[in-house]
Each structure stands twice: as C-alpha cells, then as structure tokens.
C-alpha cells in the first residue's frame, strides 16, 4: 500500500506500508491491504506506520484520512 502524510507546510511521509493505525474520531482503527474505501476525520493522536520491517510513529494534530484502492492519504493539521 502507498501512504502519504501531508501537513499544510510539508510532506511528512511518503512510502510503502503494510499497515497504518490512525486516531479516528470514534476511536483508533487500522487500515490493511484491500481495506474498503473510507474517509474519516482524525483526532489528535498517533499515526502508527508499519512497513513490515520497521514501525514509525507520528503525533498528529487532527485531520482527515482517505483510503481507496490501497492508497492512503492522511491530511494532518500539524505534526508535533
């Protein structure tokens, strides 16, 4: 899957991932390969990126996530 994390002032992350956990407004959820198309608002919290060989964590300040056809885009208001 392809993941992109964008803030108003920079491209924070771009790369291939095996799983992404995001802080949804109704609770955290994980996006895996072939996930159903989804658009969700995000709360302040951790975006956990798993590449299969490593894990990376970003602290975001709210935003929106869209996942469709194994392409995930996180539009974050900011990164702490």
C-alpha atoms as a PDB file:
ATOM      1  CA  UNK A   1       0.000   0.000   0.000  1.00  0.00           C
ATOM      2  CA  UNK A   2       1.085   3.576  -0.567  1.00  0.00           C
ATOM      3  CA  UNK A   3       0.880   6.062   2.310  1.00  0.00           C
ATOM      4  CA  UNK A   4       1.237   9.821   2.164  1.00  0.00           C
ATOM      5  CA  UNK A   5       1.061  12.113   5.210  1.00  0.00           C
ATOM      6  CA  UNK A   6       0.723  15.792   4.334  1.00  0.00           C
ATOM      7  CA  UNK A   7       0.540  18.881   6.567  1.00  0.00           C
ATOM      8  CA  UNK A   8      -0.183  22.433   5.390  1.00  0.00           C
ATOM      9  CA  UNK A   9       3.550  23.200   5.317  1.00  0.00           C
ATOM     10  CA  UNK A  10       5.267  19.939   4.276  1.00  0.00           C
ATOM     11  CA  UNK A  11       5.152  16.380   3.044  1.00  0.00           C
ATOM     12  CA  UNK A  12       5.788  14.450   6.278  1.00  0.00           C
ATOM     13  CA  UNK A  13       5.859  10.874   4.944  1.00  0.00           C
ATOM     14  CA  UNK A  14       5.608   9.002   1.666  1.00  0.00           C
ATOM     15  CA  UNK A  15       6.239   5.319   1.165  1.00  0.00           C
ATOM     16  CA  UNK A  16       5.063   1.721   1.038  1.00  0.00           C
ATOM     17  CA  UNK A  17       3.449   0.288   4.177  1.00  0.00           C
ATOM     18  CA  UNK A  18       1.812  -2.958   5.323  1.00  0.00           C
ATOM     19  CA  UNK A  19      -0.483  -1.381   7.957  1.00  0.00           C
ATOM     20  CA  UNK A  20      -1.430   2.056   9.286  1.00  0.00           C
ATOM     21  CA  UNK A  21      -3.226   2.827  12.561  1.00  0.00           C
ATOM     22  CA  UNK A  22      -4.897   6.242  12.772  1.00  0.00           C
ATOM     23  CA  UNK A  23      -6.717   8.103  15.590  1.00  0.00           C
ATOM     24  CA  UNK A  24     -10.251   8.231  14.175  1.00  0.00           C
ATOM     25  CA  UNK A  25     -12.880  10.481  15.749  1.00  0.00           C
ATOM     26  CA  UNK A  26     -14.766   7.403  17.017  1.00  0.00           C
ATOM     27  CA  UNK A  27     -11.575   5.621  18.100  1.00  0.00           C
ATOM     28  CA  UNK A  28      -8.347   4.360  16.583  1.00  0.00           C
ATOM     29  CA  UNK A  29      -8.560   1.979  13.648  1.00  0.00           C
ATOM     30  CA  UNK A  30      -6.144   0.108  11.438  1.00  0.00           C
ATOM     31  CA  UNK A  31      -6.014   0.107   7.642  1.00  0.00           C
ATOM     32  CA  UNK A  32      -4.659  -3.035   5.987  1.00  0.00           C
ATOM     33  CA  UNK A  33      -4.237  -4.118   2.365  1.00  0.00           C
ATOM     34  CA  UNK A  34      -7.508  -4.155   0.377  1.00  0.00           C
ATOM     35  CA  UNK A  35      -9.382  -2.150   3.049  1.00  0.00           C
ATOM     36  CA  UNK A  36     -12.782  -0.893   1.961  1.00  0.00           C
ATOM     37  CA  UNK A  37     -12.781   2.696   0.722  1.00  0.00           C
ATOM     38  CA  UNK A  38     -13.104   5.080   3.660  1.00  0.00           C
ATOM     39  CA  UNK A  39     -12.936   8.760   4.531  1.00  0.00           C
ATOM     40  CA  UNK A  40     -12.734   9.676   8.226  1.00  0.00           C
ATOM     41  CA  UNK A  41     -11.934  12.656  10.397  1.00  0.00           C
ATOM     42  CA  UNK A  42      -8.984  12.267  12.764  1.00  0.00           C
ATOM     43  CA  UNK A  43      -8.408  13.431  16.323  1.00  0.00           C
ATOM     44  CA  UNK A  44      -5.106  14.426  17.904  1.00  0.00           C
ATOM     45  CA  UNK A  45      -3.081  11.263  18.396  1.00  0.00           C
ATOM     46  CA  UNK A  46      -0.659   8.728  16.984  1.00  0.00           C
ATOM     47  CA  UNK A  47      -0.393   7.546  13.404  1.00  0.00           C
ATOM     48  CA  UNK A  48       1.449   4.233  13.617  1.00  0.00           C
ATOM     49  CA  UNK A  49       3.088   3.114  10.375  1.00  0.00           C
ATOM     50  CA  UNK A  50       4.183  -0.493   9.915  1.00  0.00           C
ATOM     51  CA  UNK A  51       6.373  -1.219   6.897  1.00  0.00           C
ATOM     52  CA  UNK A  52       6.796  -4.918   7.593  1.00  0.00           C
ATOM     53  CA  UNK A  53      10.385  -4.405   8.758  1.00  0.00           C
ATOM     54  CA  UNK A  54      10.020  -1.329  10.970  1.00  0.00           C
ATOM     55  CA  UNK A  55       7.498   0.826  12.791  1.00  0.00           C
ATOM     56  CA  UNK A  56       7.315   4.611  12.790  1.00  0.00           C
ATOM     57  CA  UNK A  57       5.043   6.861  14.867  1.00  0.00           C
ATOM     58  CA  UNK A  58       3.845  10.398  14.098  1.00  0.00           C
ATOM     59  CA  UNK A  59       1.894  12.537  16.596  1.00  0.00           C
ATOM     60  CA  UNK A  60      -0.684  14.466  14.572  1.00  0.00           C
ATOM     61  CA  UNK A  61      -2.993  17.344  15.464  1.00  0.00           C
ATOM     62  CA  UNK A  62      -6.254  16.200  13.876  1.00  0.00           C
ATOM     63  CA  UNK A  63      -7.061  15.940  10.202  1.00  0.00           C
ATOM     64  CA  UNK A  64      -8.657  13.611   7.658  1.00  0.00           C
ATOM     65  CA  UNK A  65      -7.735  10.196   6.242  1.00  0.00           C
ATOM     66  CA  UNK A  66      -8.810   8.709   2.923  1.00  0.00           C
ATOM     67  CA  UNK A  67      -8.124   5.124   1.865  1.00  0.00           C
ATOM     68  CA  UNK A  68      -9.056   3.820  -1.571  1.00  0.00           C
ATOM     69  CA  UNK A  69      -7.518   1.170  -3.848  1.00  0.00           C
ATOM     70  CA  UNK A  70      -4.582   0.605  -1.443  1.00  0.00           C
ATOM     71  CA  UNK A  71      -3.657   4.311  -1.492  1.00  0.00           C
ATOM     72  CA  UNK A  72      -3.881   6.036   1.901  1.00  0.00           C
ATOM     73  CA  UNK A  73      -3.685   9.794   2.300  1.00  0.00           C
ATOM     74  CA  UNK A  74      -3.537  11.489   5.697  1.00  0.00           C
ATOM     75  CA  UNK A  75      -4.125  15.248   5.641  1.00  0.00           C
ATOM     76  CA  UNK A  76      -2.964  16.339   9.102  1.00  0.00           C
ATOM     77  CA  UNK A  77      -3.464  19.806  10.580  1.00  0.00           C
ATOM     78  CA  UNK A  78       0.029  19.523  12.050  1.00  0.00           C
ATOM     79  CA  UNK A  79       2.633  17.167  13.462  1.00  0.00           C
ATOM     80  CA  UNK A  80       4.029  17.520  16.984  1.00  0.00           C
END
